[in-house]
Amino acid sequence: MTHVIASPRPEDAASLGPLQLRVWLQTYPNEAAGIDETWIREHRGASDTPEGIDWRREFIEAAEQRPDLLFCRAVRSGTEIVGFLCGRREDVVTPRADVPA
């Protein structure tokens, strides 16, 4: 199986929200920490709404226009997006004190 990492296209936004929600539901439930399916849907479920998809599309477009400030990459297996990472670039990265260097 070949995976390709590349910038997502604006039309990919509709598949990123459901993927993010699915990953959170598979990865982060932790009853001891008070994180259950209900909590995840309340805090991360907006990524799967029309508004969340519009926000993601705008972010992808902004990352294309301002790669010095934003980044977004998608992992494709064939035509399916199986992972992604998006974020903001910072001028200064400050290590967390609780993480060993």
PDB file of N, CA and C in Angstrom:
ATOM      1  N   MET A   1       0.839  -1.169   0.000  1.00  0.00           N
ATOM      2  CA  MET A   1       0.000   0.000   0.000  1.00  0.00           C
ATOM      3  C   MET A   1       0.886   1.236   0.000  1.00  0.00           C
ATOM      4  N   THR A   2       0.661   2.131  -0.935  1.00  0.00           N
ATOM      5  CA  THR A   2       1.442   3.349  -1.058  1.00  0.00           C
ATOM      6  C   THR A   2       0.675   4.518  -0.455  1.00  0.00           C
ATOM      7  N   HIS A   3       1.373   5.317   0.325  1.00  0.00           N
ATOM      8  CA  HIS A   3       0.797   6.526   0.890  1.00  0.00           C
ATOM      9  C   HIS A   3       1.529   7.725   0.301  1.00  0.00           C
ATOM     10  N   VAL A   4       0.765   8.752  -0.025  1.00  0.00           N
ATOM     11  CA  VAL A   4       1.330   9.974  -0.580  1.00  0.00           C
ATOM     12  C   VAL A   4       0.938  11.124   0.336  1.00  0.00           C
ATOM     13  N   ILE A   5       1.917  11.934   0.724  1.00  0.00           N
ATOM     14  CA  ILE A   5       1.667  13.104   1.558  1.00  0.00           C
ATOM     15  C   ILE A   5       1.784  14.334   0.671  1.00  0.00           C
ATOM     16  N   ALA A   6       0.722  15.148   0.664  1.00  0.00           N
ATOM     17  CA  ALA A   6       0.695  16.352  -0.168  1.00  0.00           C
ATOM     18  C   ALA A   6      -0.296  17.345   0.427  1.00  0.00           C
ATOM     19  N   SER A   7      -0.262  18.549  -0.082  1.00  0.00           N
ATOM     20  CA  SER A   7      -1.233  19.549   0.347  1.00  0.00           C
ATOM     21  C   SER A   7      -2.626  19.115  -0.094  1.00  0.00           C
ATOM     22  N   PRO A   8      -3.625  19.248   0.801  1.00  0.00           N
ATOM     23  CA  PRO A   8      -4.989  18.922   0.386  1.00  0.00           C
ATOM     24  C   PRO A   8      -5.537  20.011  -0.531  1.00  0.00           C
ATOM     25  N   ARG A   9      -6.539  19.652  -1.283  1.00  0.00           N
ATOM     26  CA  ARG A   9      -7.242  20.609  -2.133  1.00  0.00           C
ATOM     27  C   ARG A   9      -8.459  21.129  -1.367  1.00  0.00           C
ATOM     28  N   PRO A  10      -8.939  22.327  -1.670  1.00  0.00           N
ATOM     29  CA  PRO A  10     -10.113  22.846  -0.966  1.00  0.00           C
ATOM     30  C   PRO A  10     -11.299  21.880  -0.977  1.00  0.00           C
ATOM     31  N   GLU A  11     -11.481  21.156  -2.064  1.00  0.00           N
ATOM     32  CA  GLU A  11     -12.609  20.215  -2.133  1.00  0.00           C
ATOM     33  C   GLU A  11     -12.422  19.006  -1.209  1.00  0.00           C
ATOM     34  N   ASP A  12     -11.225  18.822  -0.662  1.00  0.00           N
ATOM     35  CA  ASP A  12     -10.977  17.745   0.303  1.00  0.00           C
ATOM     36  C   ASP A  12     -11.538  18.059   1.685  1.00  0.00           C
ATOM     37  N   ALA A  13     -11.909  19.305   1.928  1.00  0.00           N
ATOM     38  CA  ALA A  13     -12.385  19.719   3.251  1.00  0.00           C
ATOM     39  C   ALA A  13     -13.561  18.868   3.727  1.00  0.00           C
ATOM     40  N   ALA A  14     -14.419  18.466   2.819  1.00  0.00           N
ATOM     41  CA  ALA A  14     -15.600  17.682   3.204  1.00  0.00           C
ATOM     42  C   ALA A  14     -15.231  16.315   3.768  1.00  0.00           C
ATOM     43  N   SER A  15     -14.089  15.779   3.410  1.00  0.00           N
ATOM     44  CA  SER A  15     -13.698  14.472   3.949  1.00  0.00           C
ATOM     45  C   SER A  15     -12.824  14.596   5.204  1.00  0.00           C
ATOM     46  N   LEU A  16     -12.225  15.758   5.441  1.00  0.00           N
ATOM     47  CA  LEU A  16     -11.342  15.912   6.600  1.00  0.00           C
ATOM     48  C   LEU A  16     -12.112  15.993   7.914  1.00  0.00           C
ATOM     49  N   GLY A  17     -13.243  16.672   7.928  1.00  0.00           N
ATOM     50  CA  GLY A  17     -14.035  16.783   9.155  1.00  0.00           C
ATOM     51  C   GLY A  17     -14.513  15.436   9.666  1.00  0.00           C
ATOM     52  N   PRO A  18     -15.166  14.637   8.828  1.00  0.00           N
ATOM     53  CA  PRO A  18     -15.577  13.306   9.277  1.00  0.00           C
ATOM     54  C   PRO A  18     -14.402  12.432   9.694  1.00  0.00           C
ATOM     55  N   LEU A  19     -13.270  12.560   9.004  1.00  0.00           N
ATOM     56  CA  LEU A  19     -12.079  11.793   9.374  1.00  0.00           C
ATOM     57  C   LEU A  19     -11.599  12.209  10.763  1.00  0.00           C
ATOM     58  N   GLN A  20     -11.551  13.517  11.023  1.00  0.00           N
ATOM     59  CA  GLN A  20     -11.113  13.984  12.326  1.00  0.00           C
ATOM     60  C   GLN A  20     -12.030  13.462  13.426  1.00  0.00           C
ATOM     61  N   LEU A  21     -13.328  13.528  13.228  1.00  0.00           N
ATOM     62  CA  LEU A  21     -14.268  13.047  14.237  1.00  0.00           C
ATOM     63  C   LEU A  21     -14.099  11.546  14.457  1.00  0.00           C
ATOM     64  N   ARG A  22     -13.972  10.784  13.375  1.00  0.00           N
ATOM     65  CA  ARG A  22     -13.799   9.331  13.492  1.00  0.00           C
ATOM     66  C   ARG A  22     -12.528   8.979  14.261  1.00  0.00           C
ATOM     67  N   VAL A  23     -11.443   9.685  13.983  1.00  0.00           N
ATOM     68  CA  VAL A  23     -10.179   9.422  14.675  1.00  0.00           C
ATOM     69  C   VAL A  23     -10.312   9.744  16.159  1.00  0.00           C
ATOM     70  N   TRP A  24     -10.920  10.863  16.484  1.00  0.00           N
ATOM     71  CA  TRP A  24     -11.124  11.200  17.897  1.00  0.00           C
ATOM     72  C   TRP A  24     -11.955  10.125  18.593  1.00  0.00           C
ATOM     73  N   LEU A  25     -13.010   9.656  17.939  1.00  0.00           N
ATOM     74  CA  LEU A  25     -13.867   8.634  18.561  1.00  0.00           C
ATOM     75  C   LEU A  25     -13.119   7.316  18.752  1.00  0.00           C
ATOM     76  N   GLN A  26     -12.188   7.002  17.876  1.00  0.00           N
ATOM     77  CA  GLN A  26     -11.417   5.764  17.984  1.00  0.00           C
ATOM     78  C   GLN A  26     -10.253   5.881  18.968  1.00  0.00           C
ATOM     79  N   THR A  27      -9.711   7.083  19.129  1.00  0.00           N
ATOM     80  CA  THR A  27      -8.460   7.250  19.853  1.00  0.00           C
ATOM     81  C   THR A  27      -8.596   7.788  21.274  1.00  0.00           C
ATOM     82  N   TYR A  28      -9.481   8.740  21.496  1.00  0.00           N
ATOM     83  CA  TYR A  28      -9.420   9.505  22.736  1.00  0.00           C
ATOM     84  C   TYR A  28     -10.428   9.188  23.836  1.00  0.00           C
ATOM     85  N   PRO A  29     -11.405   8.312  23.668  1.00  0.00           N
ATOM     86  CA  PRO A  29     -12.294   8.054  24.804  1.00  0.00           C
ATOM     87  C   PRO A  29     -11.493   7.583  26.023  1.00  0.00           C
ATOM     88  N   ASN A  30     -11.791   8.202  27.160  1.00  0.00           N
ATOM     89  CA  ASN A  30     -11.105   7.872  28.399  1.00  0.00           C
ATOM     90  C   ASN A  30     -12.057   8.230  29.536  1.00  0.00           C
ATOM     91  N   GLU A  31     -12.805   7.227  30.000  1.00  0.00           N
ATOM     92  CA  GLU A  31     -13.812   7.485  31.030  1.00  0.00           C
ATOM     93  C   GLU A  31     -13.207   8.088  32.284  1.00  0.00           C
ATOM     94  N   ALA A  32     -12.012   7.668  32.670  1.00  0.00           N
ATOM     95  CA  ALA A  32     -11.372   8.200  33.868  1.00  0.00           C
ATOM     96  C   ALA A  32     -11.110   9.696  33.747  1.00  0.00           C
ATOM     97  N   ALA A  33     -10.875  10.162  32.542  1.00  0.00           N
ATOM     98  CA  ALA A  33     -10.617  11.579  32.305  1.00  0.00           C
ATOM     99  C   ALA A  33     -11.893  12.335  31.940  1.00  0.00           C
ATOM    100  N   GLY A  34     -13.031  11.626  31.910  1.00  0.00           N
ATOM    101  CA  GLY A  34     -14.292  12.273  31.566  1.00  0.00           C
ATOM    102  C   GLY A  34     -14.474  12.512  30.077  1.00  0.00           C
ATOM    103  N   ILE A  35     -13.717  11.786  29.277  1.00  0.00           N
ATOM    104  CA  ILE A  35     -13.814  11.944  27.823  1.00  0.00           C
ATOM    105  C   ILE A  35     -14.504  10.709  27.259  1.00  0.00           C
ATOM    106  N   ASP A  36     -15.769  10.884  26.915  1.00  0.00           N
ATOM    107  CA  ASP A  36     -16.524   9.793  26.314  1.00  0.00           C
ATOM    108  C   ASP A  36     -17.047  10.249  24.958  1.00  0.00           C
ATOM    109  N   GLU A  37     -17.828   9.424  24.306  1.00  0.00           N
ATOM    110  CA  GLU A  37     -18.324   9.769  22.978  1.00  0.00           C
ATOM    111  C   GLU A  37     -19.120  11.066  23.005  1.00  0.00           C
ATOM    112  N   THR A  38     -19.924  11.260  24.026  1.00  0.00           N
ATOM    113  CA  THR A  38     -20.715  12.492  24.127  1.00  0.00           C
ATOM    114  C   THR A  38     -19.809  13.709  24.202  1.00  0.00           C
ATOM    115  N   TRP A  39     -18.767  13.652  25.055  1.00  0.00           N
ATOM    116  CA  TRP A  39     -17.831  14.767  25.179  1.00  0.00           C
ATOM    117  C   TRP A  39     -17.157  15.064  23.840  1.00  0.00           C
ATOM    118  N   ILE A  40     -16.705  14.012  23.175  1.00  0.00           N
ATOM    119  CA  ILE A  40     -16.019  14.193  21.885  1.00  0.00           C
ATOM    120  C   ILE A  40     -16.953  14.827  20.873  1.00  0.00           C
ATOM    121  N   ARG A  41     -18.176  14.347  20.789  1.00  0.00           N
ATOM    122  CA  ARG A  41     -19.124  14.932  19.824  1.00  0.00           C
ATOM    123  C   ARG A  41     -19.436  16.387  20.157  1.00  0.00           C
ATOM    124  N   GLU A  42     -19.493  16.730  21.455  1.00  0.00           N
ATOM    125  CA  GLU A  42     -19.748  18.117  21.851  1.00  0.00           C
ATOM    126  C   GLU A  42     -18.563  19.024  21.530  1.00  0.00           C
ATOM    127  N   HIS A  43     -17.331  18.526  21.708  1.00  0.00           N
ATOM    128  CA  HIS A  43     -16.137  19.359  21.546  1.00  0.00           C
ATOM    129  C   HIS A  43     -15.470  19.251  20.180  1.00  0.00           C
ATOM    130  N   ARG A  44     -15.660  18.163  19.475  1.00  0.00           N
ATOM    131  CA  ARG A  44     -15.013  17.969  18.174  1.00  0.00           C
ATOM    132  C   ARG A  44     -16.004  17.692  17.048  1.00  0.00           C
ATOM    133  N   GLY A  45     -17.262  17.547  17.371  1.00  0.00           N
ATOM    134  CA  GLY A  45     -18.268  17.215  16.370  1.00  0.00           C
ATOM    135  C   GLY A  45     -18.505  18.296  15.342  1.00  0.00           C
ATOM    136  N   ALA A  46     -18.179  19.551  15.675  1.00  0.00           N
ATOM    137  CA  ALA A  46     -18.391  20.648  14.731  1.00  0.00           C
ATOM    138  C   ALA A  46     -17.546  20.500  13.475  1.00  0.00           C
ATOM    139  N   SER A  47     -16.491  19.708  13.547  1.00  0.00           N
ATOM    140  CA  SER A  47     -15.644  19.518  12.365  1.00  0.00           C
ATOM    141  C   SER A  47     -16.396  18.803  11.253  1.00  0.00           C
ATOM    142  N   ASP A  48     -17.507  18.160  11.604  1.00  0.00           N
ATOM    143  CA  ASP A  48     -18.294  17.376  10.652  1.00  0.00           C
ATOM    144  C   ASP A  48     -19.546  18.116  10.179  1.00  0.00           C
ATOM    145  N   THR A  49     -19.692  19.399  10.547  1.00  0.00           N
ATOM    146  CA  THR A  49     -20.860  20.193  10.157  1.00  0.00           C
ATOM    147  C   THR A  49     -20.540  21.023   8.917  1.00  0.00           C
ATOM    148  N   PRO A  50     -21.546  21.562   8.254  1.00  0.00           N
ATOM    149  CA  PRO A  50     -21.263  22.453   7.111  1.00  0.00           C
ATOM    150  C   PRO A  50     -20.361  23.623   7.495  1.00  0.00           C
ATOM    151  N   GLU A  51     -20.564  24.173   8.691  1.00  0.00           N
ATOM    152  CA  GLU A  51     -19.718  25.286   9.131  1.00  0.00           C
ATOM    153  C   GLU A  51     -18.279  24.830   9.338  1.00  0.00           C
ATOM    154  N   GLY A  52     -18.122  23.650   9.946  1.00  0.00           N
ATOM    155  CA  GLY A  52     -16.784  23.115  10.158  1.00  0.00           C
ATOM    156  C   GLY A  52     -16.068  22.813   8.856  1.00  0.00           C
ATOM    157  N   ILE A  53     -16.810  22.304   7.892  1.00  0.00           N
ATOM    158  CA  ILE A  53     -16.231  22.004   6.577  1.00  0.00           C
ATOM    159  C   ILE A  53     -15.833  23.305   5.874  1.00  0.00           C
ATOM    160  N   ASP A  54     -16.698  24.331   5.982  1.00  0.00           N
ATOM    161  CA  ASP A  54     -16.352  25.631   5.387  1.00  0.00           C
ATOM    162  C   ASP A  54     -15.093  26.197   6.033  1.00  0.00           C
ATOM    163  N   TRP A  55     -14.988  26.083   7.379  1.00  0.00           N
ATOM    164  CA  TRP A  55     -13.804  26.583   8.076  1.00  0.00           C
ATOM    165  C   TRP A  55     -12.555  25.859   7.574  1.00  0.00           C
ATOM    166  N   ARG A  56     -12.643  24.536   7.438  1.00  0.00           N
ATOM    167  CA  ARG A  56     -11.487  23.754   6.993  1.00  0.00           C
ATOM    168  C   ARG A  56     -11.111  24.141   5.565  1.00  0.00           C
ATOM    169  N   ARG A  57     -12.102  24.329   4.691  1.00  0.00           N
ATOM    170  CA  ARG A  57     -11.831  24.737   3.308  1.00  0.00           C
ATOM    171  C   ARG A  57     -11.097  26.077   3.298  1.00  0.00           C
ATOM    172  N   GLU A  58     -11.566  27.019   4.100  1.00  0.00           N
ATOM    173  CA  GLU A  58     -10.912  28.329   4.180  1.00  0.00           C
ATOM    174  C   GLU A  58      -9.488  28.200   4.700  1.00  0.00           C
ATOM    175  N   PHE A  59      -9.278  27.307   5.669  1.00  0.00           N
ATOM    176  CA  PHE A  59      -7.922  27.102   6.201  1.00  0.00           C
ATOM    177  C   PHE A  59      -7.012  26.536   5.117  1.00  0.00           C
ATOM    178  N   ILE A  60      -7.494  25.556   4.365  1.00  0.00           N
ATOM    179  CA  ILE A  60      -6.692  24.963   3.287  1.00  0.00           C
ATOM    180  C   ILE A  60      -6.318  26.034   2.270  1.00  0.00           C
ATOM    181  N   GLU A  61      -7.274  26.870   1.891  1.00  0.00           N
ATOM    182  CA  GLU A  61      -7.005  27.941   0.930  1.00  0.00           C
ATOM    183  C   GLU A  61      -6.010  28.949   1.498  1.00  0.00           C
ATOM    184  N   ALA A  62      -6.162  29.292   2.774  1.00  0.00           N
ATOM    185  CA  ALA A  62      -5.238  30.235   3.402  1.00  0.00           C
ATOM    186  C   ALA A  62      -3.830  29.642   3.483  1.00  0.00           C
ATOM    187  N   ALA A  63      -3.729  28.337   3.764  1.00  0.00           N
ATOM    188  CA  ALA A  63      -2.420  27.681   3.837  1.00  0.00           C
ATOM    189  C   ALA A  63      -1.738  27.683   2.470  1.00  0.00           C
ATOM    190  N   GLU A  64      -2.520  27.573   1.396  1.00  0.00           N
ATOM    191  CA  GLU A  64      -1.945  27.645   0.052  1.00  0.00           C
ATOM    192  C   GLU A  64      -1.395  29.040  -0.221  1.00  0.00           C
ATOM    193  N   GLN A  65      -2.104  30.056   0.270  1.00  0.00           N
ATOM    194  CA  GLN A  65      -1.715  31.441   0.011  1.00  0.00           C
ATOM    195  C   GLN A  65      -0.617  31.919   0.953  1.00  0.00           C
ATOM    196  N   ARG A  66      -0.583  31.403   2.181  1.00  0.00           N
ATOM    197  CA  ARG A  66       0.373  31.864   3.189  1.00  0.00           C
ATOM    198  C   ARG A  66       1.119  30.697   3.830  1.00  0.00           C
ATOM    199  N   PRO A  67       1.911  29.949   3.063  1.00  0.00           N
ATOM    200  CA  PRO A  67       2.625  28.813   3.641  1.00  0.00           C
ATOM    201  C   PRO A  67       3.645  29.212   4.701  1.00  0.00           C
ATOM    202  N   ASP A  68       3.979  30.500   4.760  1.00  0.00           N
ATOM    203  CA  ASP A  68       4.880  30.968   5.807  1.00  0.00           C
ATOM    204  C   ASP A  68       4.179  31.041   7.163  1.00  0.00           C
ATOM    205  N   LEU A  69       2.829  31.079   7.174  1.00  0.00           N
ATOM    206  CA  LEU A  69       2.063  31.183   8.413  1.00  0.00           C
ATOM    207  C   LEU A  69       1.294  29.912   8.766  1.00  0.00           C
ATOM    208  N   LEU A  70       0.858  29.172   7.745  1.00  0.00           N
ATOM    209  CA  LEU A  70      -0.008  28.008   7.957  1.00  0.00           C
ATOM    210  C   LEU A  70       0.504  26.818   7.170  1.00  0.00           C
ATOM    211  N   PHE A  71       0.179  25.605   7.635  1.00  0.00           N
ATOM    212  CA  PHE A  71       0.515  24.412   6.865  1.00  0.00           C
ATOM    213  C   PHE A  71      -0.645  23.425   6.948  1.00  0.00           C
ATOM    214  N   CYS A  72      -0.759  22.628   5.921  1.00  0.00           N
ATOM    215  CA  CYS A  72      -1.769  21.577   5.904  1.00  0.00           C
ATOM    216  C   CYS A  72      -1.291  20.499   4.940  1.00  0.00           C
ATOM    217  N   ARG A  73      -1.268  19.259   5.413  1.00  0.00           N
ATOM    218  CA  ARG A  73      -0.870  18.121   4.590  1.00  0.00           C
ATOM    219  C   ARG A  73      -1.882  17.001   4.781  1.00  0.00           C
ATOM    220  N   ALA A  74      -2.141  16.293   3.713  1.00  0.00           N
ATOM    221  CA  ALA A  74      -3.048  15.149   3.752  1.00  0.00           C
ATOM    222  C   ALA A  74      -2.278  13.905   3.340  1.00  0.00           C
ATOM    223  N   VAL A  75      -2.638  12.782   3.922  1.00  0.00           N
ATOM    224  CA  VAL A  75      -2.046  11.491   3.576  1.00  0.00           C
ATOM    225  C   VAL A  75      -3.082  10.728   2.779  1.00  0.00           C
ATOM    226  N   ARG A  76      -2.723  10.375   1.561  1.00  0.00           N
ATOM    227  CA  ARG A  76      -3.644   9.650   0.681  1.00  0.00           C
ATOM    228  C   ARG A  76      -3.170   8.227   0.470  1.00  0.00           C
ATOM    229  N   SER A  77      -4.138   7.350   0.453  1.00  0.00           N
ATOM    230  CA  SER A  77      -3.928   5.970   0.039  1.00  0.00           C
ATOM    231  C   SER A  77      -4.851   5.783  -1.163  1.00  0.00           C
ATOM    232  N   GLY A  78      -4.272   5.836  -2.334  1.00  0.00           N
ATOM    233  CA  GLY A  78      -5.092   5.874  -3.539  1.00  0.00           C
ATOM    234  C   GLY A  78      -5.811   7.217  -3.582  1.00  0.00           C
ATOM    235  N   THR A  79      -7.126   7.179  -3.703  1.00  0.00           N
ATOM    236  CA  THR A  79      -7.894   8.424  -3.735  1.00  0.00           C
ATOM    237  C   THR A  79      -8.440   8.804  -2.363  1.00  0.00           C
ATOM    238  N   GLU A  80      -8.280   7.919  -1.368  1.00  0.00           N
ATOM    239  CA  GLU A  80      -8.830   8.163  -0.038  1.00  0.00           C
ATOM    240  C   GLU A  80      -7.835   8.901   0.852  1.00  0.00           C
ATOM    241  N   ILE A  81      -8.320   9.903   1.584  1.00  0.00           N
ATOM    242  CA  ILE A  81      -7.498  10.576   2.578  1.00  0.00           C
ATOM    243  C   ILE A  81      -7.594   9.768   3.866  1.00  0.00           C
ATOM    244  N   VAL A  82      -6.447   9.313   4.365  1.00  0.00           N
ATOM    245  CA  VAL A  82      -6.418   8.457   5.557  1.00  0.00           C
ATOM    246  C   VAL A  82      -5.793   9.163   6.760  1.00  0.00           C
ATOM    247  N   GLY A  83      -5.306  10.385   6.568  1.00  0.00           N
ATOM    248  CA  GLY A  83      -4.738  11.152   7.652  1.00  0.00           C
ATOM    249  C   GLY A  83      -4.465  12.570   7.198  1.00  0.00           C
ATOM    250  N   PHE A  84      -4.316  13.471   8.161  1.00  0.00           N
ATOM    251  CA  PHE A  84      -3.963  14.841   7.813  1.00  0.00           C
ATOM    252  C   PHE A  84      -3.403  15.557   9.030  1.00  0.00           C
ATOM    253  N   LEU A  85      -2.694  16.637   8.769  1.00  0.00           N
ATOM    254  CA  LEU A  85      -2.115  17.472   9.801  1.00  0.00           C
ATOM    255  C   LEU A  85      -2.164  18.905   9.300  1.00  0.00           C
ATOM    256  N   CYS A  86      -2.776  19.777  10.076  1.00  0.00           N
ATOM    257  CA  CYS A  86      -2.851  21.193   9.729  1.00  0.00           C
ATOM    258  C   CYS A  86      -2.501  22.001  10.968  1.00  0.00           C
ATOM    259  N   GLY A  87      -1.893  23.150  10.783  1.00  0.00           N
ATOM    260  CA  GLY A  87      -1.557  23.972  11.925  1.00  0.00           C
ATOM    261  C   GLY A  87      -1.013  25.326  11.520  1.00  0.00           C
ATOM    262  N   ARG A  88      -0.641  26.063  12.524  1.00  0.00           N
ATOM    263  CA  ARG A  88      -0.085  27.404  12.348  1.00  0.00           C
ATOM    264  C   ARG A  88       1.404  27.354  12.651  1.00  0.00           C
ATOM    265  N   ARG A  89       2.168  28.082  11.862  1.00  0.00           N
ATOM    266  CA  ARG A  89       3.605  28.182  12.109  1.00  0.00           C
ATOM    267  C   ARG A  89       3.829  29.325  13.101  1.00  0.00           C
ATOM    268  N   GLU A  90       4.745  29.144  13.993  1.00  0.00           N
ATOM    269  CA  GLU A  90       5.085  30.175  14.968  1.00  0.00           C
ATOM    270  C   GLU A  90       6.532  30.583  14.753  1.00  0.00           C
ATOM    271  N   ASP A  91       6.829  31.844  15.005  1.00  0.00           N
ATOM    272  CA  ASP A  91       8.202  32.316  14.881  1.00  0.00           C
ATOM    273  C   ASP A  91       9.091  31.682  15.939  1.00  0.00           C
ATOM    274  N   VAL A  92       8.553  31.493  17.131  1.00  0.00           N
ATOM    275  CA  VAL A  92       9.322  30.959  18.233  1.00  0.00           C
ATOM    276  C   VAL A  92       8.604  29.734  18.776  1.00  0.00           C
ATOM    277  N   VAL A  93       9.326  28.654  18.901  1.00  0.00           N
ATOM    278  CA  VAL A  93       8.773  27.448  19.494  1.00  0.00           C
ATOM    279  C   VAL A  93       9.362  27.328  20.880  1.00  0.00           C
ATOM    280  N   THR A  94       8.491  27.287  21.862  1.00  0.00           N
ATOM    281  CA  THR A  94       8.928  27.194  23.250  1.00  0.00           C
ATOM    282  C   THR A  94       8.694  25.782  23.738  1.00  0.00           C
ATOM    283  N   PRO A  95       9.753  25.069  24.115  1.00  0.00           N
ATOM    284  CA  PRO A  95       9.570  23.709  24.613  1.00  0.00           C
ATOM    285  C   PRO A  95       8.736  23.720  25.883  1.00  0.00           C
ATOM    286  N   ARG A  96       7.907  22.700  26.033  1.00  0.00           N
ATOM    287  CA  ARG A  96       7.134  22.563  27.261  1.00  0.00           C
ATOM    288  C   ARG A  96       8.063  22.122  28.380  1.00  0.00           C
ATOM    289  N   ALA A  97       7.844  22.649  29.568  1.00  0.00           N
ATOM    290  CA  ALA A  97       8.703  22.336  30.704  1.00  0.00           C
ATOM    291  C   ALA A  97       8.544  20.898  31.164  1.00  0.00           C
ATOM    292  N   ASP A  98       7.379  20.286  30.907  1.00  0.00           N
ATOM    293  CA  ASP A  98       7.131  18.926  31.394  1.00  0.00           C
ATOM    294  C   ASP A  98       7.576  17.842  30.414  1.00  0.00           C
ATOM    295  N   VAL A  99       8.175  18.241  29.287  1.00  0.00           N
ATOM    296  CA  VAL A  99       8.651  17.269  28.297  1.00  0.00           C
ATOM    297  C   VAL A  99      10.172  17.310  28.269  1.00  0.00           C
ATOM    298  N   PRO A 100      10.829  16.176  28.501  1.00  0.00           N
ATOM    299  CA  PRO A 100      12.293  16.162  28.489  1.00  0.00           C
ATOM    300  C   PRO A 100      12.837  16.569  27.125  1.00  0.00           C
ATOM    301  N   ALA A 101      13.914  17.299  27.128  1.00  0.00           N
ATOM    302  CA  ALA A 101      14.532  17.764  25.875  1.00  0.00           C
ATOM    303  C   ALA A 101      15.272  16.644  25.195  1.00  0.00           C
TER     304      ALA A 101
END
